Amino acid sequence: MKPVLEVADIFRRHGHAYRQTRGDHMGRVERRIMAAIVACRTAALGGHVEQCIDCGKMRISYNSCRNRHCPKCQNLARAKWLEARKTELLPVPYFHVVFTLPAVLADIAFQNKALVYNLLMRTAADALRTMAADARHLGAEIGLIAVLHTWGQTLQHHPHVHCIVPGGGVCPDGKRWIASRADFFLDVQELSALFRKLFLHQISTAFTNGCLKFFGVLAKLADPGTFAQQMAALSAANWVVYAKRPCGGPEQVLAYLGRYTHRVAIANSRLIKLEEGNVSFSWKDYRQDAITKTMTLSAGEFIRRFLLHALPDGFQRIRHYGLLAHGHCAAKLALCRRLLATPPPPPPPSSARDYRERYRELTGHDLSVCPHCSGRMLRIRTDPPLRAHQHAPAWCDTS
């Protein structure tokens, strides 16, 4: 069922005013995101008309924008990604580990997104792999999937990485599988300290090499002495690393992964109302036992917070490391299964060539079935996308 209110509705009604007041602070990526979300599943992108051969009901299906920031375009992408992961699951416990940056570094990350987000993901993975390889802990090579999120429940900038890690790994000589404890993977305090050490070293190196930029209230950090003082303070602070074991076996892990991999800053289902220039949405207060609350922001502030989470062009927010790294994943997983004495997974079903069949395979929803009488829908007309000047409002200009 389509939500009553969508992010696209907020952009359509208040996007022009937002561009007039904050256009100078918007980059090409942000403008492109707004334009894509507004056009998504409208005549602007074209589509087709279908008619039921039994009851005669007609349905117009418009094309999706496929922008990774769009709340309406993630279900099929998620289904495709999860299908590809089925052959990578192992019959072992899986753990969920979250690495979070302190507030000061989150501010630096916002002004240096590509560089600092890369550092965050890489050092989180390095911390896990380094500690797991230590014989005092696990003494094995592990694999993991890391997913970057940059938001909190109230849409503020809050960069953190979710890692899903199999509970064990391959010993250095490759001759046996070393399992972790079923209810414990690695000590989070030691992991936090190692993550802090690795990240501060990397960001200090980036500063020395002149790779960091500072603006506004952070401009003072461009001074080497001030930057060094800030890093020293951060090295003495506690960094948040959270770990827990997801419930269930490998199949449940897939469902668990699906909750994190293709999320956007806010789902349309969380939007409550848009009236008198204000947006109300639900959020969970995890400091009070995840109680659901309602927050109301001006439309302009809502748009600003949503666009805080625009990712740089080409940035990969889902990454695989160690045993699961794409370059040698097949060979490493074959070794893991041999050591675990488990048979290889069945080959994936042959992909359907027809879009409807493929969609049904991935989502379980049959587009060829009439929603009114369960008859068969046939395509009777295809409509091409409108030209840019025919549909895009001035504030959607992406030049």
Protein backbone atom coordinates (compact mmCIF):
# COMPACT_ATOMS: atom_id res chain seq x y z
CA MET A 1 0.00 0.00 0.00
CA LYS A 2 1.38 3.39 -0.98
CA PRO A 3 2.16 5.67 1.99
CA VAL A 4 -0.10 8.68 2.39
CA LEU A 5 2.95 10.97 2.48
CA GLU A 6 6.29 10.58 0.71
CA VAL A 7 9.60 12.40 0.73
CA ALA A 8 8.85 13.27 -2.90
CA ASP A 9 5.73 15.17 -1.80
CA ILE A 10 7.81 17.29 0.58
CA PHE A 11 10.31 18.03 -2.18
CA ARG A 12 7.55 19.00 -4.63
CA ARG A 13 5.86 21.38 -2.23
CA HIS A 14 8.89 22.93 -0.56
CA GLY A 15 11.88 22.16 -2.79
CA HIS A 16 11.69 25.47 -4.65
CA ALA A 17 11.67 27.52 -1.44
CA TYR A 18 14.55 25.45 -0.10
CA ARG A 19 16.62 26.11 -3.23
CA GLN A 20 15.91 29.81 -3.00
CA THR A 21 17.18 30.04 0.58
CA ARG A 22 19.95 27.40 0.58
CA GLY A 23 20.78 26.87 -3.09
CA ASP A 24 24.31 28.21 -2.64
CA HIS A 25 25.02 25.41 -0.16
CA MET A 26 23.79 22.62 -2.41
CA GLY A 27 26.10 20.63 -4.63
CA ARG A 28 25.37 18.82 -7.86
CA VAL A 29 24.80 15.53 -6.02
CA GLU A 30 22.13 17.02 -3.75
CA ARG A 31 20.31 18.67 -6.66
CA ARG A 32 20.38 15.43 -8.60
CA ILE A 33 18.96 13.49 -5.65
CA MET A 34 16.06 15.90 -5.29
CA ALA A 35 15.32 15.81 -9.01
CA ALA A 36 15.40 11.99 -9.09
CA ILE A 37 13.11 11.55 -6.10
CA VAL A 38 10.59 14.07 -7.46
CA ALA A 39 10.51 12.35 -10.86
CA CYS A 40 10.46 8.78 -9.51
CA ARG A 41 7.42 6.77 -10.67
CA THR A 42 5.86 9.69 -12.49
CA ALA A 43 5.22 10.37 -16.17
CA ALA A 44 8.53 12.24 -16.24
CA LEU A 45 10.44 8.95 -16.43
CA GLY A 46 8.01 7.20 -18.74
CA GLY A 47 6.28 3.91 -18.13
CA HIS A 48 3.60 1.66 -19.56
CA VAL A 49 -0.13 1.01 -19.40
CA GLU A 50 -1.51 -2.44 -18.62
CA GLN A 51 -5.04 -3.82 -18.83
CA CYS A 52 -6.59 -6.92 -17.26
CA ILE A 53 -7.93 -9.32 -19.90
CA ASP A 54 -10.67 -10.47 -17.50
CA CYS A 55 -12.12 -7.40 -15.77
CA GLY A 56 -10.76 -4.69 -18.07
CA LYS A 57 -9.20 -2.66 -15.25
CA MET A 58 -6.24 -0.54 -16.36
CA ARG A 59 -3.03 0.20 -14.49
CA ILE A 60 -0.33 2.75 -15.21
CA SER A 61 3.16 1.75 -14.11
CA TYR A 62 5.76 4.49 -14.19
CA ASN A 63 9.50 3.85 -14.17
CA SER A 64 11.65 4.22 -11.06
CA CYS A 65 14.54 6.64 -10.73
CA ARG A 66 16.83 3.95 -9.20
CA ASN A 67 18.66 6.58 -7.20
CA ARG A 68 20.19 4.92 -4.12
CA HIS A 69 18.90 7.74 -1.90
CA CYS A 70 15.28 7.28 -3.02
CA PRO A 71 12.98 5.66 -0.43
CA LYS A 72 10.92 3.99 -3.18
CA CYS A 73 13.74 2.35 -5.14
CA GLN A 74 15.44 0.05 -2.64
CA ASN A 75 13.23 -3.05 -2.43
CA LEU A 76 14.28 -4.62 -5.73
CA ALA A 77 17.93 -3.61 -5.24
CA ARG A 78 17.84 -5.19 -1.78
CA ALA A 79 16.28 -8.39 -3.12
CA LYS A 80 18.92 -8.71 -5.85
CA TRP A 81 21.75 -8.13 -3.39
CA LEU A 82 20.41 -10.62 -0.86
CA GLU A 83 19.96 -13.26 -3.56
CA ALA A 84 23.63 -12.90 -4.47
CA ARG A 85 24.62 -13.37 -0.81
CA LYS A 86 22.79 -16.70 -0.41
CA THR A 87 25.75 -18.64 -1.79
CA GLU A 88 28.13 -16.92 0.65
CA LEU A 89 26.46 -17.95 3.91
CA LEU A 90 28.24 -20.40 6.19
CA PRO A 91 26.65 -22.71 8.82
CA VAL A 92 28.10 -20.76 11.74
CA PRO A 93 26.86 -18.09 14.15
CA TYR A 94 27.00 -14.52 12.84
CA PHE A 95 27.75 -11.39 14.86
CA HIS A 96 26.70 -7.80 14.37
CA VAL A 97 29.35 -5.19 15.25
CA VAL A 98 28.81 -1.42 14.98
CA PHE A 99 31.60 1.19 14.87
CA THR A 100 30.66 4.83 15.53
CA LEU A 101 32.72 8.00 15.11
CA PRO A 102 32.86 10.60 17.93
CA ALA A 103 30.99 13.84 17.24
CA VAL A 104 34.08 15.90 16.35
CA LEU A 105 35.18 13.38 13.76
CA ALA A 106 31.63 13.18 12.43
CA ASP A 107 31.83 16.92 11.74
CA ILE A 108 35.16 16.47 9.96
CA ALA A 109 33.65 13.59 8.00
CA PHE A 110 30.81 15.78 6.76
CA GLN A 111 33.29 18.22 5.25
CA ASN A 112 35.48 15.41 3.84
CA LYS A 113 32.92 12.72 3.06
CA ALA A 114 34.71 10.48 0.58
CA LEU A 115 38.01 10.43 2.46
CA VAL A 116 36.72 10.03 6.02
CA TYR A 117 33.93 7.58 5.16
CA ASN A 118 36.56 5.46 3.42
CA LEU A 119 38.78 5.62 6.50
CA LEU A 120 35.88 4.70 8.76
CA MET A 121 34.97 1.60 6.76
CA ARG A 122 38.55 0.47 6.20
CA THR A 123 39.71 0.93 9.78
CA ALA A 124 36.62 -0.80 11.18
CA ALA A 125 37.39 -3.80 8.97
CA ASP A 126 41.11 -3.64 9.80
CA ALA A 127 40.37 -3.56 13.53
CA LEU A 128 38.18 -6.66 13.30
CA ARG A 129 40.60 -8.58 11.11
CA THR A 130 43.71 -7.60 13.07
CA MET A 131 42.24 -8.52 16.43
CA ALA A 132 40.76 -11.76 15.13
CA ALA A 133 44.11 -12.77 13.64
CA ASP A 134 45.80 -12.38 17.02
CA ALA A 135 46.31 -15.81 18.64
CA ARG A 136 45.33 -14.30 22.00
CA HIS A 137 41.82 -13.81 20.66
CA LEU A 138 40.78 -16.00 17.72
CA GLY A 139 43.95 -16.58 15.71
CA ALA A 140 42.17 -16.80 12.38
CA GLU A 141 41.47 -14.98 9.14
CA ILE A 142 37.87 -13.79 9.14
CA GLY A 143 35.48 -12.24 6.66
CA LEU A 144 32.87 -9.51 7.02
CA ILE A 145 30.34 -7.35 5.25
CA ALA A 146 30.42 -3.66 6.18
CA VAL A 147 27.57 -1.21 5.54
CA LEU A 148 27.91 2.55 6.04
CA HIS A 149 25.05 4.50 7.62
CA THR A 150 25.33 8.24 8.16
CA TRP A 151 22.09 9.02 10.00
CA GLY A 152 20.48 8.75 13.38
CA GLN A 153 16.76 8.39 14.04
CA THR A 154 16.23 12.17 13.89
CA LEU A 155 18.18 12.49 10.60
CA GLN A 156 21.16 14.20 12.17
CA HIS A 157 24.61 13.36 10.77
CA HIS A 158 25.78 10.26 12.63
CA PRO A 159 28.30 8.19 10.61
CA HIS A 160 28.69 4.58 11.71
CA VAL A 161 29.40 1.20 10.16
CA HIS A 162 27.38 -1.99 10.61
CA CYS A 163 29.50 -5.14 10.21
CA ILE A 164 28.08 -8.64 9.88
CA VAL A 165 30.80 -11.18 10.75
CA PRO A 166 30.78 -15.00 10.68
CA GLY A 167 31.69 -16.41 14.09
CA GLY A 168 35.05 -17.92 13.24
CA GLY A 169 37.70 -18.10 10.55
CA VAL A 170 40.47 -20.05 8.89
CA CYS A 171 43.69 -20.74 10.79
CA PRO A 172 46.95 -19.33 9.32
CA ASP A 173 47.98 -22.61 7.67
CA GLY A 174 44.53 -23.01 6.12
CA LYS A 175 44.05 -26.51 7.54
CA ARG A 176 41.23 -26.00 10.03
CA TRP A 177 38.30 -23.79 10.95
CA ILE A 178 38.61 -21.95 14.26
CA ALA A 179 35.21 -21.23 15.75
CA SER A 180 34.51 -18.39 18.12
CA ARG A 181 32.38 -18.88 21.18
CA ALA A 182 28.71 -19.16 20.28
CA ASP A 183 27.79 -16.14 22.41
CA PHE A 184 30.96 -14.05 22.19
CA PHE A 185 33.15 -12.90 19.31
CA LEU A 186 35.76 -10.31 20.37
CA ASP A 187 36.18 -8.10 23.41
CA VAL A 188 34.56 -4.79 22.46
CA GLN A 189 36.73 -2.69 24.76
CA GLU A 190 39.93 -3.93 23.15
CA LEU A 191 38.31 -3.68 19.74
CA SER A 192 37.30 -0.09 20.46
CA ALA A 193 40.83 0.83 21.52
CA LEU A 194 42.32 -0.73 18.39
CA PHE A 195 39.76 0.98 16.14
CA ARG A 196 40.55 4.32 17.80
CA LYS A 197 44.30 3.81 17.33
CA LEU A 198 44.01 2.82 13.67
CA PHE A 199 41.57 5.58 12.75
CA LEU A 200 43.50 8.39 14.46
CA HIS A 201 46.70 7.25 12.78
CA GLN A 202 45.06 7.25 9.37
CA ILE A 203 43.33 10.61 9.74
CA SER A 204 46.51 12.20 11.12
CA THR A 205 48.38 10.92 8.08
CA ALA A 206 45.70 12.39 5.83
CA PHE A 207 46.08 15.74 7.62
CA THR A 208 49.88 15.67 7.23
CA ASN A 209 49.48 14.95 3.51
CA GLY A 210 47.14 17.93 3.12
CA CYS A 211 44.13 15.79 2.20
CA LEU A 212 41.67 17.28 4.72
CA LYS A 213 39.67 20.47 4.24
CA PHE A 214 38.10 22.54 7.03
CA PHE A 215 35.39 25.18 6.76
CA GLY A 216 33.29 27.35 9.07
CA VAL A 217 33.52 26.42 12.74
CA LEU A 218 36.12 23.75 11.92
CA ALA A 219 38.48 26.17 10.16
CA LYS A 220 40.66 26.37 13.28
CA LEU A 221 41.56 22.69 12.85
CA ALA A 222 43.63 23.62 9.80
CA ASP A 223 46.29 24.76 12.28
CA PRO A 224 48.64 21.79 12.96
CA GLY A 225 48.86 22.53 16.67
CA THR A 226 45.09 22.76 17.11
CA PHE A 227 44.58 19.59 15.10
CA ALA A 228 47.16 17.71 17.17
CA GLN A 229 45.46 18.82 20.40
CA GLN A 230 42.11 17.60 19.11
CA MET A 231 43.56 14.23 18.13
CA ALA A 232 45.19 13.90 21.55
CA ALA A 233 41.84 14.54 23.24
CA LEU A 234 40.20 11.94 21.03
CA SER A 235 42.89 9.39 21.81
CA ALA A 236 42.01 9.68 25.51
CA ALA A 237 38.25 9.35 24.96
CA ASN A 238 36.19 6.17 24.83
CA TRP A 239 34.94 5.25 21.37
CA VAL A 240 31.68 3.39 20.92
CA VAL A 241 31.86 -0.14 19.51
CA TYR A 242 28.76 -2.27 19.95
CA ALA A 243 28.46 -5.99 19.31
CA LYS A 244 25.72 -8.58 19.48
CA ARG A 245 24.86 -11.86 17.85
CA PRO A 246 21.92 -11.84 15.43
CA CYS A 247 19.32 -14.46 16.27
CA GLY A 248 18.79 -17.50 14.05
CA GLY A 249 20.83 -19.28 11.42
CA PRO A 250 22.20 -18.24 8.03
CA GLU A 251 18.77 -17.75 6.45
CA GLN A 252 17.75 -15.44 9.28
CA VAL A 253 21.04 -13.58 8.81
CA LEU A 254 19.92 -12.72 5.28
CA ALA A 255 16.73 -11.15 6.60
CA TYR A 256 18.80 -9.38 9.25
CA LEU A 257 21.16 -8.02 6.60
CA GLY A 258 18.23 -6.77 4.58
CA ARG A 259 17.34 -4.40 7.41
CA TYR A 260 20.65 -2.55 6.98
CA THR A 261 22.06 -2.85 3.48
CA HIS A 262 19.75 -0.70 1.36
CA ARG A 263 18.23 1.65 3.89
CA VAL A 264 17.98 5.38 3.24
CA ALA A 265 17.93 8.20 5.76
CA ILE A 266 14.18 7.86 6.34
CA ALA A 267 11.50 5.56 4.96
CA ASN A 268 8.25 7.00 3.65
CA SER A 269 6.42 4.83 6.17
CA ARG A 270 7.82 6.97 9.01
CA LEU A 271 6.31 10.19 7.65
CA ILE A 272 3.14 11.21 9.48
CA LYS A 273 1.95 14.53 8.07
CA LEU A 274 2.93 17.66 6.17
CA GLU A 275 0.95 20.74 7.07
CA GLU A 276 1.53 24.46 7.49
CA GLY A 277 5.11 24.04 6.26
CA ASN A 278 6.04 21.46 8.92
CA VAL A 279 6.88 17.76 8.58
CA SER A 280 6.09 15.29 11.37
CA PHE A 281 7.68 11.84 11.45
CA SER A 282 8.14 8.98 13.89
CA TRP A 283 11.45 8.07 15.49
CA LYS A 284 12.73 5.67 18.12
CA ASP A 285 14.46 7.02 21.20
CA TYR A 286 17.04 4.34 21.97
CA ARG A 287 18.04 6.16 25.15
CA GLN A 288 14.57 5.40 26.48
CA ASP A 289 14.13 1.73 25.56
CA ALA A 290 13.42 2.49 21.88
CA ILE A 291 10.16 4.30 22.66
CA THR A 292 8.52 5.58 19.47
CA LYS A 293 8.12 9.35 19.47
CA THR A 294 7.07 12.02 17.00
CA MET A 295 9.32 14.84 15.81
CA THR A 296 8.16 17.90 13.89
CA LEU A 297 10.54 19.97 11.78
CA SER A 298 10.05 22.78 9.32
CA ALA A 299 10.01 21.47 5.76
CA GLY A 300 13.25 23.31 5.05
CA GLU A 301 14.99 21.74 8.03
CA PHE A 302 13.66 18.30 7.08
CA ILE A 303 15.06 18.67 3.54
CA ARG A 304 18.37 19.92 4.92
CA ARG A 305 18.69 16.92 7.23
CA PHE A 306 17.71 14.49 4.48
CA LEU A 307 20.37 15.87 2.15
CA LEU A 308 23.05 15.64 4.86
CA HIS A 309 23.25 11.97 3.89
CA ALA A 310 23.98 12.38 0.21
CA LEU A 311 26.90 10.12 -0.64
CA PRO A 312 29.71 11.17 -2.99
CA ASP A 313 29.48 9.90 -6.56
CA GLY A 314 30.79 6.37 -6.88
CA PHE A 315 31.11 5.77 -3.15
CA GLN A 316 30.55 2.11 -2.22
CA ARG A 317 28.60 1.96 1.02
CA ILE A 318 28.48 -1.86 1.10
CA ARG A 319 31.88 -3.55 1.17
CA HIS A 320 33.27 -7.04 1.67
CA TYR A 321 36.55 -7.78 3.46
CA GLY A 322 38.77 -10.73 4.33
CA LEU A 323 37.33 -14.11 3.40
CA LEU A 324 34.38 -12.37 1.75
CA ALA A 325 36.39 -9.92 -0.39
CA HIS A 326 35.19 -10.22 -3.97
CA GLY A 327 38.58 -10.92 -5.52
CA HIS A 328 38.94 -14.37 -3.91
CA CYS A 329 35.56 -14.95 -2.29
CA ALA A 330 34.68 -18.13 -4.21
CA ALA A 331 37.96 -19.88 -3.41
CA LYS A 332 37.98 -18.80 0.24
CA LEU A 333 34.38 -19.87 0.80
CA ALA A 334 35.07 -23.24 -0.83
CA LEU A 335 37.92 -23.69 1.65
CA CYS A 336 35.68 -22.70 4.57
CA ARG A 337 33.01 -25.21 3.56
CA ARG A 338 35.59 -27.96 3.20
CA LEU A 339 36.95 -27.23 6.66
CA LEU A 340 33.40 -27.10 8.06
CA ALA A 341 32.50 -30.33 6.26
CA THR A 342 29.44 -28.71 4.75
CA PRO A 343 28.28 -29.20 1.15
CA PRO A 344 28.38 -26.35 -1.33
CA PRO A 345 25.14 -24.40 -1.71
CA PRO A 346 22.82 -25.27 -4.59
CA PRO A 347 23.39 -23.16 -7.70
CA PRO A 348 21.15 -20.11 -7.94
CA PRO A 349 18.08 -20.51 -10.15
CA SER A 350 18.53 -19.42 -13.73
CA SER A 351 17.62 -15.79 -13.95
CA ALA A 352 14.35 -15.13 -15.75
CA ARG A 353 14.77 -12.98 -18.80
CA ASP A 354 11.36 -11.36 -18.54
CA TYR A 355 11.26 -8.49 -16.05
CA ARG A 356 7.99 -9.71 -14.52
CA GLU A 357 9.36 -13.21 -13.94
CA ARG A 358 12.55 -11.80 -12.47
CA TYR A 359 10.59 -9.49 -10.18
CA ARG A 360 8.44 -12.40 -8.99
CA GLU A 361 11.55 -14.52 -8.31
CA LEU A 362 13.13 -11.82 -6.18
CA THR A 363 10.16 -10.30 -4.35
CA GLY A 364 7.43 -12.94 -4.45
CA HIS A 365 5.04 -10.36 -5.93
CA ASP A 366 3.57 -11.18 -9.35
CA LEU A 367 3.16 -8.08 -11.50
CA SER A 368 1.21 -10.01 -14.12
CA VAL A 369 -1.72 -10.62 -11.74
CA CYS A 370 -4.58 -8.12 -11.68
CA PRO A 371 -4.91 -6.61 -8.18
CA HIS A 372 -8.70 -6.41 -8.60
CA CYS A 373 -9.74 -9.84 -9.90
CA SER A 374 -6.48 -11.83 -10.04
CA GLY A 375 -6.78 -12.01 -13.82
CA ARG A 376 -3.88 -11.52 -16.20
CA MET A 377 -2.48 -8.06 -16.93
CA LEU A 378 -1.29 -7.32 -20.46
CA ARG A 379 0.78 -4.34 -21.55
CA ILE A 380 -1.14 -2.26 -24.10
CA ARG A 381 1.03 0.85 -24.38
CA THR A 382 4.54 2.08 -23.59
CA ASP A 383 5.17 5.75 -22.83
CA PRO A 384 8.67 7.21 -23.28
CA PRO A 385 10.20 9.56 -20.68
CA LEU A 386 9.38 13.23 -21.04
CA ARG A 387 12.17 15.53 -22.10
CA ALA A 388 13.92 17.31 -19.26
CA HIS A 389 12.41 20.73 -20.04
CA GLN A 390 8.92 19.23 -20.00
CA HIS A 391 8.94 18.03 -16.41
CA ALA A 392 11.82 19.39 -14.34
CA PRO A 393 11.07 22.49 -12.23
CA ALA A 394 13.81 25.11 -12.16
CA TRP A 395 15.03 24.08 -8.72
CA CYS A 396 15.75 20.57 -10.07
CA ASP A 397 18.46 21.89 -12.40
CA THR A 398 21.46 19.58 -11.87
CA SER A 399 23.99 21.57 -13.84
